[in-house]
Amino acid sequence: MLHLPQELGLQRALLAAGGLVHWANIYYVTVHFSLTTVFLVWVWVRHRHAWPRVRAVLIATTAVGLAGHTFFPL
């Protein structure tokens, strides 16, 4: 619909390598969530003055991402 470049061939190749997908999922879960938590704790402890702005940005970007996936599922 948007005439964007297709990545179907790349997706098929990567999905065929099941081990790669498994390790990418593990990396995403362990690094993404734990690093976000560590960052938020660091801001809360060391840079309390920035906490309201960081919290607002995190909430706003999460809301935009949720809306994007709701109205244009990938």
N, C-alpha and C. Protein backbone atom coordinates (compact mmCIF):
# COMPACT_ATOMS: atom_id res chain seq x y z
N MET A 1 0.83 -1.19 0.00
CA MET A 1 0.00 0.00 0.00
C MET A 1 0.87 1.25 0.00
N LEU A 2 1.95 1.25 0.76
CA LEU A 2 2.82 2.42 0.84
C LEU A 2 3.98 2.35 -0.15
N HIS A 3 4.10 1.25 -0.88
CA HIS A 3 5.16 1.04 -1.86
C HIS A 3 6.55 1.14 -1.24
N LEU A 4 6.68 0.59 -0.05
CA LEU A 4 7.98 0.54 0.62
C LEU A 4 8.76 -0.69 0.13
N PRO A 5 10.07 -0.68 0.27
CA PRO A 5 10.84 -1.86 -0.14
C PRO A 5 10.40 -3.09 0.63
N GLN A 6 10.40 -4.23 -0.06
CA GLN A 6 9.98 -5.48 0.56
C GLN A 6 11.16 -6.14 1.26
N GLU A 7 10.88 -6.76 2.38
CA GLU A 7 11.92 -7.48 3.10
C GLU A 7 11.55 -8.94 3.29
N LEU A 8 10.63 -9.42 2.51
CA LEU A 8 10.13 -10.79 2.65
C LEU A 8 11.25 -11.81 2.50
N GLY A 9 12.13 -11.63 1.52
CA GLY A 9 13.23 -12.57 1.32
C GLY A 9 14.16 -12.63 2.52
N LEU A 10 14.47 -11.47 3.09
CA LEU A 10 15.33 -11.41 4.27
C LEU A 10 14.64 -12.08 5.46
N GLN A 11 13.35 -11.81 5.64
CA GLN A 11 12.62 -12.43 6.74
C GLN A 11 12.59 -13.95 6.61
N ARG A 12 12.35 -14.43 5.43
CA ARG A 12 12.31 -15.89 5.22
C ARG A 12 13.67 -16.53 5.53
N ALA A 13 14.74 -15.88 5.09
CA ALA A 13 16.08 -16.41 5.34
C ALA A 13 16.39 -16.44 6.84
N LEU A 14 16.04 -15.38 7.53
CA LEU A 14 16.33 -15.33 8.97
C LEU A 14 15.44 -16.27 9.77
N LEU A 15 14.19 -16.39 9.36
CA LEU A 15 13.30 -17.31 10.07
C LEU A 15 13.69 -18.76 9.86
N ALA A 16 14.32 -19.06 8.72
CA ALA A 16 14.79 -20.42 8.47
C ALA A 16 15.93 -20.79 9.41
N ALA A 17 16.67 -19.79 9.87
CA ALA A 17 17.76 -20.02 10.84
C ALA A 17 17.15 -19.92 12.23
N GLY A 18 16.47 -20.94 12.68
CA GLY A 18 15.74 -20.93 13.95
C GLY A 18 16.59 -20.56 15.15
N GLY A 19 17.83 -21.01 15.17
CA GLY A 19 18.70 -20.69 16.30
C GLY A 19 18.96 -19.20 16.42
N LEU A 20 19.11 -18.56 15.28
CA LEU A 20 19.35 -17.11 15.29
C LEU A 20 18.15 -16.37 15.86
N VAL A 21 16.97 -16.77 15.47
CA VAL A 21 15.75 -16.15 15.98
C VAL A 21 15.64 -16.37 17.48
N HIS A 22 15.95 -17.57 17.93
CA HIS A 22 15.89 -17.88 19.37
C HIS A 22 16.83 -16.98 20.15
N TRP A 23 18.07 -16.83 19.70
CA TRP A 23 19.05 -16.00 20.41
C TRP A 23 18.70 -14.52 20.32
N ALA A 24 18.13 -14.09 19.22
CA ALA A 24 17.69 -12.69 19.11
C ALA A 24 16.57 -12.40 20.09
N ASN A 25 15.65 -13.35 20.26
CA ASN A 25 14.57 -13.18 21.24
C ASN A 25 15.10 -13.14 22.66
N ILE A 26 16.03 -14.02 22.98
CA ILE A 26 16.62 -14.01 24.32
C ILE A 26 17.34 -12.69 24.58
N TYR A 27 18.11 -12.24 23.60
CA TYR A 27 18.81 -10.96 23.73
C TYR A 27 17.82 -9.83 23.97
N TYR A 28 16.75 -9.79 23.19
CA TYR A 28 15.76 -8.72 23.32
C TYR A 28 15.15 -8.70 24.72
N VAL A 29 14.73 -9.86 25.20
CA VAL A 29 14.08 -9.92 26.51
C VAL A 29 15.06 -9.56 27.63
N THR A 30 16.26 -10.11 27.58
CA THR A 30 17.18 -9.87 28.68
C THR A 30 17.81 -8.49 28.64
N VAL A 31 18.20 -8.03 27.47
CA VAL A 31 18.89 -6.75 27.40
C VAL A 31 17.91 -5.59 27.38
N HIS A 32 16.89 -5.64 26.56
CA HIS A 32 15.97 -4.52 26.42
C HIS A 32 15.30 -4.18 27.75
N PHE A 33 14.68 -5.15 28.37
CA PHE A 33 13.94 -4.87 29.60
C PHE A 33 14.86 -4.59 30.78
N SER A 34 15.93 -5.36 30.91
CA SER A 34 16.82 -5.13 32.05
C SER A 34 17.57 -3.81 31.92
N LEU A 35 18.01 -3.45 30.72
CA LEU A 35 18.72 -2.19 30.54
C LEU A 35 17.79 -1.00 30.75
N THR A 36 16.56 -1.10 30.32
CA THR A 36 15.59 -0.04 30.57
C THR A 36 15.37 0.13 32.06
N THR A 37 15.23 -0.97 32.78
CA THR A 37 15.05 -0.90 34.23
C THR A 37 16.27 -0.30 34.91
N VAL A 38 17.46 -0.73 34.52
CA VAL A 38 18.69 -0.19 35.11
C VAL A 38 18.78 1.31 34.83
N PHE A 39 18.46 1.72 33.61
CA PHE A 39 18.50 3.14 33.26
C PHE A 39 17.53 3.95 34.11
N LEU A 40 16.31 3.45 34.27
CA LEU A 40 15.32 4.18 35.06
C LEU A 40 15.72 4.28 36.53
N VAL A 41 16.28 3.22 37.08
CA VAL A 41 16.76 3.27 38.46
C VAL A 41 17.92 4.26 38.58
N TRP A 42 18.82 4.25 37.60
CA TRP A 42 19.96 5.19 37.60
C TRP A 42 19.47 6.64 37.57
N VAL A 43 18.50 6.92 36.72
CA VAL A 43 17.96 8.28 36.66
C VAL A 43 17.31 8.64 37.98
N TRP A 44 16.55 7.73 38.54
CA TRP A 44 15.86 8.00 39.81
C TRP A 44 16.85 8.28 40.94
N VAL A 45 17.94 7.53 41.00
CA VAL A 45 18.90 7.66 42.09
C VAL A 45 19.87 8.82 41.87
N ARG A 46 20.43 8.94 40.68
CA ARG A 46 21.51 9.89 40.44
C ARG A 46 21.07 11.22 39.85
N HIS A 47 19.94 11.24 39.16
CA HIS A 47 19.50 12.46 38.47
C HIS A 47 18.01 12.69 38.72
N ARG A 48 17.66 12.79 39.97
CA ARG A 48 16.25 12.90 40.36
C ARG A 48 15.57 14.09 39.68
N HIS A 49 16.32 15.17 39.44
CA HIS A 49 15.73 16.35 38.80
C HIS A 49 15.25 16.06 37.38
N ALA A 50 15.84 15.08 36.72
CA ALA A 50 15.46 14.74 35.34
C ALA A 50 14.34 13.70 35.29
N TRP A 51 13.99 13.13 36.43
CA TRP A 51 13.02 12.04 36.45
C TRP A 51 11.68 12.39 35.78
N PRO A 52 11.06 13.55 36.08
CA PRO A 52 9.77 13.84 35.44
C PRO A 52 9.86 13.89 33.91
N ARG A 53 10.92 14.45 33.38
CA ARG A 53 11.08 14.52 31.93
C ARG A 53 11.32 13.13 31.33
N VAL A 54 12.17 12.33 31.96
CA VAL A 54 12.45 10.98 31.47
C VAL A 54 11.19 10.13 31.51
N ARG A 55 10.46 10.23 32.61
CA ARG A 55 9.20 9.49 32.74
C ARG A 55 8.21 9.91 31.67
N ALA A 56 8.08 11.21 31.41
CA ALA A 56 7.15 11.71 30.40
C ALA A 56 7.54 11.23 29.01
N VAL A 57 8.84 11.24 28.70
CA VAL A 57 9.31 10.79 27.39
C VAL A 57 9.05 9.30 27.23
N LEU A 58 9.32 8.51 28.26
CA LEU A 58 9.09 7.07 28.18
C LEU A 58 7.60 6.76 27.99
N ILE A 59 6.75 7.45 28.72
CA ILE A 59 5.30 7.24 28.58
C ILE A 59 4.83 7.66 27.19
N ALA A 60 5.31 8.80 26.70
CA ALA A 60 4.89 9.30 25.39
C ALA A 60 5.35 8.37 24.27
N THR A 61 6.60 7.93 24.32
CA THR A 61 7.08 7.05 23.25
C THR A 61 6.39 5.69 23.30
N THR A 62 6.10 5.21 24.48
CA THR A 62 5.36 3.95 24.60
C THR A 62 3.95 4.11 24.04
N ALA A 63 3.30 5.23 24.32
CA ALA A 63 1.95 5.48 23.81
C ALA A 63 1.95 5.60 22.29
N VAL A 64 2.93 6.29 21.73
CA VAL A 64 3.03 6.42 20.27
C VAL A 64 3.27 5.06 19.63
N GLY A 65 4.16 4.27 20.23
CA GLY A 65 4.42 2.93 19.72
C GLY A 65 3.19 2.04 19.79
N LEU A 66 2.46 2.12 20.88
CA LEU A 66 1.24 1.33 21.03
C LEU A 66 0.20 1.76 20.00
N ALA A 67 0.03 3.05 19.83
CA ALA A 67 -0.92 3.55 18.82
C ALA A 67 -0.50 3.12 17.43
N GLY A 68 0.79 3.21 17.16
CA GLY A 68 1.29 2.80 15.84
C GLY A 68 1.01 1.35 15.55
N HIS A 69 1.25 0.48 16.52
CA HIS A 69 1.01 -0.95 16.33
C HIS A 69 -0.49 -1.28 16.31
N THR A 70 -1.28 -0.45 16.97
CA THR A 70 -2.72 -0.67 16.97
C THR A 70 -3.33 -0.33 15.61
N PHE A 71 -2.91 0.80 15.06
CA PHE A 71 -3.51 1.27 13.81
C PHE A 71 -2.77 0.80 12.56
N PHE A 72 -1.52 0.37 12.71
CA PHE A 72 -0.76 -0.15 11.57
C PHE A 72 0.05 -1.35 12.05
N PRO A 73 -0.62 -2.51 12.26
CA PRO A 73 0.07 -3.68 12.77
C PRO A 73 1.20 -4.13 11.83
N LEU A 74 2.28 -4.53 12.43
CA LEU A 74 3.43 -4.97 11.63
C LEU A 74 3.50 -6.48 11.58
